[in-house]
Amino acid sequence: EPIFWIVTGVFTGMGTSLPFYAMGSYFYRYNLNSQYTVITTIGSLGYIVMHIFFIKGFLCSLKIKSFGSLE
């Protein structure tokens, strides 16, 4: 089901990115720039994973429609 992939993507993406961005603001406040860069890069990976799940959900919806038209 496409909605499964979309909801999983939102929970996975936000669950991984928000904690890292919260830690990033702490590192930014105390001028720890190298740690800030690493933390925000890892946080950005959460958004990448979220969009990969969105693409998976979209492709599932196309596959369901194409199988439905064959019947």
PDB file of N, CA and C in Angstrom:
ATOM      1  N   GLU A   1       0.822  -1.183   0.000  1.00  0.00           N
ATOM      2  CA  GLU A   1       0.000   0.000   0.000  1.00  0.00           C
ATOM      3  C   GLU A   1       0.872   1.254   0.000  1.00  0.00           C
ATOM      4  N   PRO A   2       0.542   2.223  -0.834  1.00  0.00           N
ATOM      5  CA  PRO A   2       1.335   3.462  -0.886  1.00  0.00           C
ATOM      6  C   PRO A   2       1.302   4.259   0.416  1.00  0.00           C
ATOM      7  N   ILE A   3       0.156   4.269   1.094  1.00  0.00           N
ATOM      8  CA  ILE A   3       0.065   5.075   2.314  1.00  0.00           C
ATOM      9  C   ILE A   3       1.008   4.552   3.396  1.00  0.00           C
ATOM     10  N   PHE A   4       1.258   3.242   3.410  1.00  0.00           N
ATOM     11  CA  PHE A   4       2.216   2.675   4.367  1.00  0.00           C
ATOM     12  C   PHE A   4       3.588   3.283   4.167  1.00  0.00           C
ATOM     13  N   TRP A   5       4.033   3.367   2.919  1.00  0.00           N
ATOM     14  CA  TRP A   5       5.371   3.905   2.647  1.00  0.00           C
ATOM     15  C   TRP A   5       5.450   5.390   2.963  1.00  0.00           C
ATOM     16  N   ILE A   6       4.382   6.121   2.724  1.00  0.00           N
ATOM     17  CA  ILE A   6       4.393   7.561   2.999  1.00  0.00           C
ATOM     18  C   ILE A   6       4.451   7.816   4.501  1.00  0.00           C
ATOM     19  N   VAL A   7       3.604   7.121   5.261  1.00  0.00           N
ATOM     20  CA  VAL A   7       3.593   7.312   6.717  1.00  0.00           C
ATOM     21  C   VAL A   7       4.908   6.837   7.332  1.00  0.00           C
ATOM     22  N   THR A   8       5.423   5.718   6.859  1.00  0.00           N
ATOM     23  CA  THR A   8       6.711   5.229   7.352  1.00  0.00           C
ATOM     24  C   THR A   8       7.816   6.232   7.044  1.00  0.00           C
ATOM     25  N   GLY A   9       7.759   6.826   5.867  1.00  0.00           N
ATOM     26  CA  GLY A   9       8.758   7.835   5.504  1.00  0.00           C
ATOM     27  C   GLY A   9       8.714   9.054   6.400  1.00  0.00           C
ATOM     28  N   VAL A  10       7.510   9.519   6.720  1.00  0.00           N
ATOM     29  CA  VAL A  10       7.387  10.689   7.593  1.00  0.00           C
ATOM     30  C   VAL A  10       7.928  10.377   8.984  1.00  0.00           C
ATOM     31  N   PHE A  11       7.520   9.236   9.545  1.00  0.00           N
ATOM     32  CA  PHE A  11       8.000   8.897  10.896  1.00  0.00           C
ATOM     33  C   PHE A  11       9.499   8.646  10.919  1.00  0.00           C
ATOM     34  N   THR A  12      10.022   7.954   9.917  1.00  0.00           N
ATOM     35  CA  THR A  12      11.450   7.679   9.882  1.00  0.00           C
ATOM     36  C   THR A  12      12.254   8.962   9.664  1.00  0.00           C
ATOM     37  N   GLY A  13      11.811   9.765   8.713  1.00  0.00           N
ATOM     38  CA  GLY A  13      12.536  10.998   8.403  1.00  0.00           C
ATOM     39  C   GLY A  13      12.545  11.986   9.550  1.00  0.00           C
ATOM     40  N   MET A  14      11.384  12.210  10.146  1.00  0.00           N
ATOM     41  CA  MET A  14      11.315  13.156  11.254  1.00  0.00           C
ATOM     42  C   MET A  14      11.951  12.587  12.514  1.00  0.00           C
ATOM     43  N   GLY A  15      11.818  11.272  12.711  1.00  0.00           N
ATOM     44  CA  GLY A  15      12.408  10.650  13.890  1.00  0.00           C
ATOM     45  C   GLY A  15      13.924  10.677  13.877  1.00  0.00           C
ATOM     46  N   THR A  16      14.507  10.694  12.689  1.00  0.00           N
ATOM     47  CA  THR A  16      15.965  10.757  12.618  1.00  0.00           C
ATOM     48  C   THR A  16      16.484  12.184  12.503  1.00  0.00           C
ATOM     49  N   SER A  17      15.759  13.056  11.832  1.00  0.00           N
ATOM     50  CA  SER A  17      16.301  14.393  11.605  1.00  0.00           C
ATOM     51  C   SER A  17      16.077  15.347  12.775  1.00  0.00           C
ATOM     52  N   LEU A  18      14.926  15.303  13.408  1.00  0.00           N
ATOM     53  CA  LEU A  18      14.645  16.269  14.469  1.00  0.00           C
ATOM     54  C   LEU A  18      15.598  16.164  15.658  1.00  0.00           C
ATOM     55  N   PRO A  19      15.921  14.973  16.167  1.00  0.00           N
ATOM     56  CA  PRO A  19      16.898  14.939  17.279  1.00  0.00           C
ATOM     57  C   PRO A  19      18.271  15.477  16.885  1.00  0.00           C
ATOM     58  N   PHE A  20      18.694  15.189  15.660  1.00  0.00           N
ATOM     59  CA  PHE A  20      20.004  15.688  15.239  1.00  0.00           C
ATOM     60  C   PHE A  20      20.001  17.204  15.059  1.00  0.00           C
ATOM     61  N   TYR A  21      18.896  17.764  14.557  1.00  0.00           N
ATOM     62  CA  TYR A  21      18.831  19.208  14.431  1.00  0.00           C
ATOM     63  C   TYR A  21      18.745  19.878  15.805  1.00  0.00           C
ATOM     64  N   ALA A  22      18.110  19.226  16.764  1.00  0.00           N
ATOM     65  CA  ALA A  22      18.073  19.783  18.120  1.00  0.00           C
ATOM     66  C   ALA A  22      19.471  19.808  18.718  1.00  0.00           C
ATOM     67  N   MET A  23      20.253  18.756  18.504  1.00  0.00           N
ATOM     68  CA  MET A  23      21.639  18.749  18.984  1.00  0.00           C
ATOM     69  C   MET A  23      22.478  19.738  18.195  1.00  0.00           C
ATOM     70  N   GLY A  24      22.175  19.923  16.917  1.00  0.00           N
ATOM     71  CA  GLY A  24      22.936  20.867  16.098  1.00  0.00           C
ATOM     72  C   GLY A  24      22.804  22.288  16.590  1.00  0.00           C
ATOM     73  N   SER A  25      21.609  22.659  17.048  1.00  0.00           N
ATOM     74  CA  SER A  25      21.452  24.025  17.562  1.00  0.00           C
ATOM     75  C   SER A  25      22.270  24.226  18.835  1.00  0.00           C
ATOM     76  N   TYR A  26      22.419  23.178  19.630  1.00  0.00           N
ATOM     77  CA  TYR A  26      23.272  23.262  20.825  1.00  0.00           C
ATOM     78  C   TYR A  26      24.730  23.490  20.426  1.00  0.00           C
ATOM     79  N   PHE A  27      25.216  22.711  19.448  1.00  0.00           N
ATOM     80  CA  PHE A  27      26.601  22.854  19.007  1.00  0.00           C
ATOM     81  C   PHE A  27      26.830  24.204  18.336  1.00  0.00           C
ATOM     82  N   TYR A  28      25.835  24.698  17.613  1.00  0.00           N
ATOM     83  CA  TYR A  28      25.968  25.992  16.948  1.00  0.00           C
ATOM     84  C   TYR A  28      26.060  27.122  17.986  1.00  0.00           C
ATOM     85  N   ARG A  29      25.295  26.993  19.049  1.00  0.00           N
ATOM     86  CA  ARG A  29      25.280  28.030  20.083  1.00  0.00           C
ATOM     87  C   ARG A  29      26.636  28.160  20.772  1.00  0.00           C
ATOM     88  N   TYR A  30      27.340  27.042  20.945  1.00  0.00           N
ATOM     89  CA  TYR A  30      28.621  27.071  21.640  1.00  0.00           C
ATOM     90  C   TYR A  30      29.818  27.033  20.686  1.00  0.00           C
ATOM     91  N   ASN A  31      29.613  27.407  19.425  1.00  0.00           N
ATOM     92  CA  ASN A  31      30.668  27.549  18.421  1.00  0.00           C
ATOM     93  C   ASN A  31      31.499  26.286  18.225  1.00  0.00           C
ATOM     94  N   LEU A  32      30.846  25.159  18.205  1.00  0.00           N
ATOM     95  CA  LEU A  32      31.513  23.897  17.891  1.00  0.00           C
ATOM     96  C   LEU A  32      31.170  23.557  16.434  1.00  0.00           C
ATOM     97  N   ASN A  33      31.827  24.263  15.522  1.00  0.00           N
ATOM     98  CA  ASN A  33      31.421  24.228  14.120  1.00  0.00           C
ATOM     99  C   ASN A  33      31.627  22.870  13.458  1.00  0.00           C
ATOM    100  N   SER A  34      32.693  22.168  13.788  1.00  0.00           N
ATOM    101  CA  SER A  34      32.918  20.882  13.130  1.00  0.00           C
ATOM    102  C   SER A  34      31.852  19.866  13.555  1.00  0.00           C
ATOM    103  N   GLN A  35      31.484  19.855  14.830  1.00  0.00           N
ATOM    104  CA  GLN A  35      30.432  18.959  15.286  1.00  0.00           C
ATOM    105  C   GLN A  35      29.080  19.370  14.706  1.00  0.00           C
ATOM    106  N   TYR A  36      28.854  20.680  14.588  1.00  0.00           N
ATOM    107  CA  TYR A  36      27.607  21.179  14.013  1.00  0.00           C
ATOM    108  C   TYR A  36      27.446  20.706  12.579  1.00  0.00           C
ATOM    109  N   THR A  37      28.506  20.739  11.818  1.00  0.00           N
ATOM    110  CA  THR A  37      28.454  20.302  10.426  1.00  0.00           C
ATOM    111  C   THR A  37      28.130  18.814  10.326  1.00  0.00           C
ATOM    112  N   VAL A  38      28.740  18.011  11.167  1.00  0.00           N
ATOM    113  CA  VAL A  38      28.496  16.569  11.145  1.00  0.00           C
ATOM    114  C   VAL A  38      27.060  16.266  11.558  1.00  0.00           C
ATOM    115  N   ILE A  39      26.587  16.897  12.598  1.00  0.00           N
ATOM    116  CA  ILE A  39      25.236  16.630  13.106  1.00  0.00           C
ATOM    117  C   ILE A  39      24.180  17.044  12.097  1.00  0.00           C
ATOM    118  N   THR A  40      24.332  18.211  11.483  1.00  0.00           N
ATOM    119  CA  THR A  40      23.327  18.631  10.507  1.00  0.00           C
ATOM    120  C   THR A  40      23.389  17.792   9.238  1.00  0.00           C
ATOM    121  N   THR A  41      24.549  17.269   8.897  1.00  0.00           N
ATOM    122  CA  THR A  41      24.640  16.365   7.745  1.00  0.00           C
ATOM    123  C   THR A  41      23.902  15.068   8.022  1.00  0.00           C
ATOM    124  N   ILE A  42      24.052  14.531   9.204  1.00  0.00           N
ATOM    125  CA  ILE A  42      23.319  13.316   9.565  1.00  0.00           C
ATOM    126  C   ILE A  42      21.820  13.601   9.613  1.00  0.00           C
ATOM    127  N   GLY A  43      21.446  14.762  10.121  1.00  0.00           N
ATOM    128  CA  GLY A  43      20.036  15.145  10.139  1.00  0.00           C
ATOM    129  C   GLY A  43      19.452  15.261   8.744  1.00  0.00           C
ATOM    130  N   SER A  44      20.247  15.734   7.809  1.00  0.00           N
ATOM    131  CA  SER A  44      19.785  15.840   6.424  1.00  0.00           C
ATOM    132  C   SER A  44      19.559  14.472   5.792  1.00  0.00           C
ATOM    133  N   LEU A  45      20.295  13.484   6.240  1.00  0.00           N
ATOM    134  CA  LEU A  45      20.083  12.131   5.724  1.00  0.00           C
ATOM    135  C   LEU A  45      18.688  11.623   6.066  1.00  0.00           C
ATOM    136  N   GLY A  46      18.123  12.072   7.177  1.00  0.00           N
ATOM    137  CA  GLY A  46      16.744  11.714   7.524  1.00  0.00           C
ATOM    138  C   GLY A  46      15.758  12.199   6.482  1.00  0.00           C
ATOM    139  N   TYR A  47      15.975  13.407   5.968  1.00  0.00           N
ATOM    140  CA  TYR A  47      15.108  13.934   4.915  1.00  0.00           C
ATOM    141  C   TYR A  47      15.288  13.155   3.609  1.00  0.00           C
ATOM    142  N   ILE A  48      16.493  12.736   3.333  1.00  0.00           N
ATOM    143  CA  ILE A  48      16.735  11.941   2.129  1.00  0.00           C
ATOM    144  C   ILE A  48      15.997  10.615   2.220  1.00  0.00           C
ATOM    145  N   VAL A  49      16.071   9.971   3.376  1.00  0.00           N
ATOM    146  CA  VAL A  49      15.357   8.702   3.568  1.00  0.00           C
ATOM    147  C   VAL A  49      13.851   8.915   3.445  1.00  0.00           C
ATOM    148  N   MET A  50      13.352  10.007   3.996  1.00  0.00           N
ATOM    149  CA  MET A  50      11.923  10.308   3.905  1.00  0.00           C
ATOM    150  C   MET A  50      11.480  10.437   2.458  1.00  0.00           C
ATOM    151  N   HIS A  51      12.251  11.127   1.654  1.00  0.00           N
ATOM    152  CA  HIS A  51      11.877  11.293   0.251  1.00  0.00           C
ATOM    153  C   HIS A  51      12.020   9.992  -0.536  1.00  0.00           C
ATOM    154  N   ILE A  52      12.941   9.137  -0.151  1.00  0.00           N
ATOM    155  CA  ILE A  52      13.040   7.828  -0.795  1.00  0.00           C
ATOM    156  C   ILE A  52      11.775   7.018  -0.519  1.00  0.00           C
ATOM    157  N   PHE A  53      11.267   7.076   0.707  1.00  0.00           N
ATOM    158  CA  PHE A  53      10.013   6.394   1.019  1.00  0.00           C
ATOM    159  C   PHE A  53       8.844   7.004   0.249  1.00  0.00           C
ATOM    160  N   PHE A  54       8.840   8.318   0.060  1.00  0.00           N
ATOM    161  CA  PHE A  54       7.790   8.952  -0.740  1.00  0.00           C
ATOM    162  C   PHE A  54       7.821   8.438  -2.176  1.00  0.00           C
ATOM    163  N   ILE A  55       9.005   8.330  -2.736  1.00  0.00           N
ATOM    164  CA  ILE A  55       9.136   7.820  -4.106  1.00  0.00           C
ATOM    165  C   ILE A  55       8.654   6.379  -4.178  1.00  0.00           C
ATOM    166  N   LYS A  56       8.996   5.578  -3.178  1.00  0.00           N
ATOM    167  CA  LYS A  56       8.540   4.190  -3.122  1.00  0.00           C
ATOM    168  C   LYS A  56       7.013   4.127  -3.079  1.00  0.00           C
ATOM    169  N   GLY A  57       6.388   4.971  -2.283  1.00  0.00           N
ATOM    170  CA  GLY A  57       4.924   5.018  -2.221  1.00  0.00           C
ATOM    171  C   GLY A  57       4.313   5.441  -3.538  1.00  0.00           C
ATOM    172  N   PHE A  58       4.927   6.398  -4.207  1.00  0.00           N
ATOM    173  CA  PHE A  58       4.421   6.840  -5.505  1.00  0.00           C
ATOM    174  C   PHE A  58       4.538   5.731  -6.539  1.00  0.00           C
ATOM    175  N   LEU A  59       5.652   5.024  -6.539  1.00  0.00           N
ATOM    176  CA  LEU A  59       5.827   3.929  -7.492  1.00  0.00           C
ATOM    177  C   LEU A  59       4.870   2.781  -7.205  1.00  0.00           C
ATOM    178  N   CYS A  60       4.556   2.546  -5.933  1.00  0.00           N
ATOM    179  CA  CYS A  60       3.561   1.521  -5.602  1.00  0.00           C
ATOM    180  C   CYS A  60       2.193   1.911  -6.135  1.00  0.00           C
ATOM    181  N   SER A  61       1.845   3.193  -6.060  1.00  0.00           N
ATOM    182  CA  SER A  61       0.540   3.623  -6.560  1.00  0.00           C
ATOM    183  C   SER A  61       0.480   3.479  -8.078  1.00  0.00           C
ATOM    184  N   LEU A  62       1.584   3.715  -8.769  1.00  0.00           N
ATOM    185  CA  LEU A  62       1.592   3.514 -10.220  1.00  0.00           C
ATOM    186  C   LEU A  62       1.452   2.044 -10.571  1.00  0.00           C
ATOM    187  N   LYS A  63       2.111   1.183  -9.790  1.00  0.00           N
ATOM    188  CA  LYS A  63       2.040  -0.257 -10.048  1.00  0.00           C
ATOM    189  C   LYS A  63       0.621  -0.765  -9.810  1.00  0.00           C
ATOM    190  N   ILE A  64      -0.046  -0.269  -8.769  1.00  0.00           N
ATOM    191  CA  ILE A  64      -1.423  -0.690  -8.486  1.00  0.00           C
ATOM    192  C   ILE A  64      -2.344  -0.251  -9.610  1.00  0.00           C
ATOM    193  N   LYS A  65      -2.176   0.969 -10.113  1.00  0.00           N
ATOM    194  CA  LYS A  65      -3.026   1.459 -11.198  1.00  0.00           C
ATOM    195  C   LYS A  65      -2.776   0.675 -12.480  1.00  0.00           C
ATOM    196  N   SER A  66      -1.521   0.330 -12.765  1.00  0.00           N
ATOM    197  CA  SER A  66      -1.238  -0.398 -14.000  1.00  0.00           C
ATOM    198  C   SER A  66      -1.785  -1.819 -13.937  1.00  0.00           C
ATOM    199  N   PHE A  67      -1.737  -2.465 -12.773  1.00  0.00           N
ATOM    200  CA  PHE A  67      -2.341  -3.798 -12.639  1.00  0.00           C
ATOM    201  C   PHE A  67      -3.851  -3.726 -12.698  1.00  0.00           C
ATOM    202  N   GLY A  68      -4.430  -2.657 -12.186  1.00  0.00           N
ATOM    203  CA  GLY A  68      -5.877  -2.507 -12.243  1.00  0.00           C
ATOM    204  C   GLY A  68      -6.402  -2.305 -13.641  1.00  0.00           C
ATOM    205  N   SER A  69      -5.603  -1.706 -14.523  1.00  0.00           N
ATOM    206  CA  SER A  69      -6.063  -1.473 -15.882  1.00  0.00           C
ATOM    207  C   SER A  69      -5.987  -2.730 -16.731  1.00  0.00           C
ATOM    208  N   LEU A  70      -5.197  -3.735 -16.315  1.00  0.00           N
ATOM    209  CA  LEU A  70      -5.099  -4.973 -17.074  1.00  0.00           C
ATOM    210  C   LEU A  70      -6.296  -5.883 -16.851  1.00  0.00           C
ATOM    211  N   GLU A  71      -7.005  -5.704 -15.767  1.00  0.00           N
ATOM    212  CA  GLU A  71      -8.104  -6.615 -15.464  1.00  0.00           C
ATOM    213  C   GLU A  71      -9.354  -6.271 -16.223  1.00  0.00           C
TER     214      GLU A  71
END
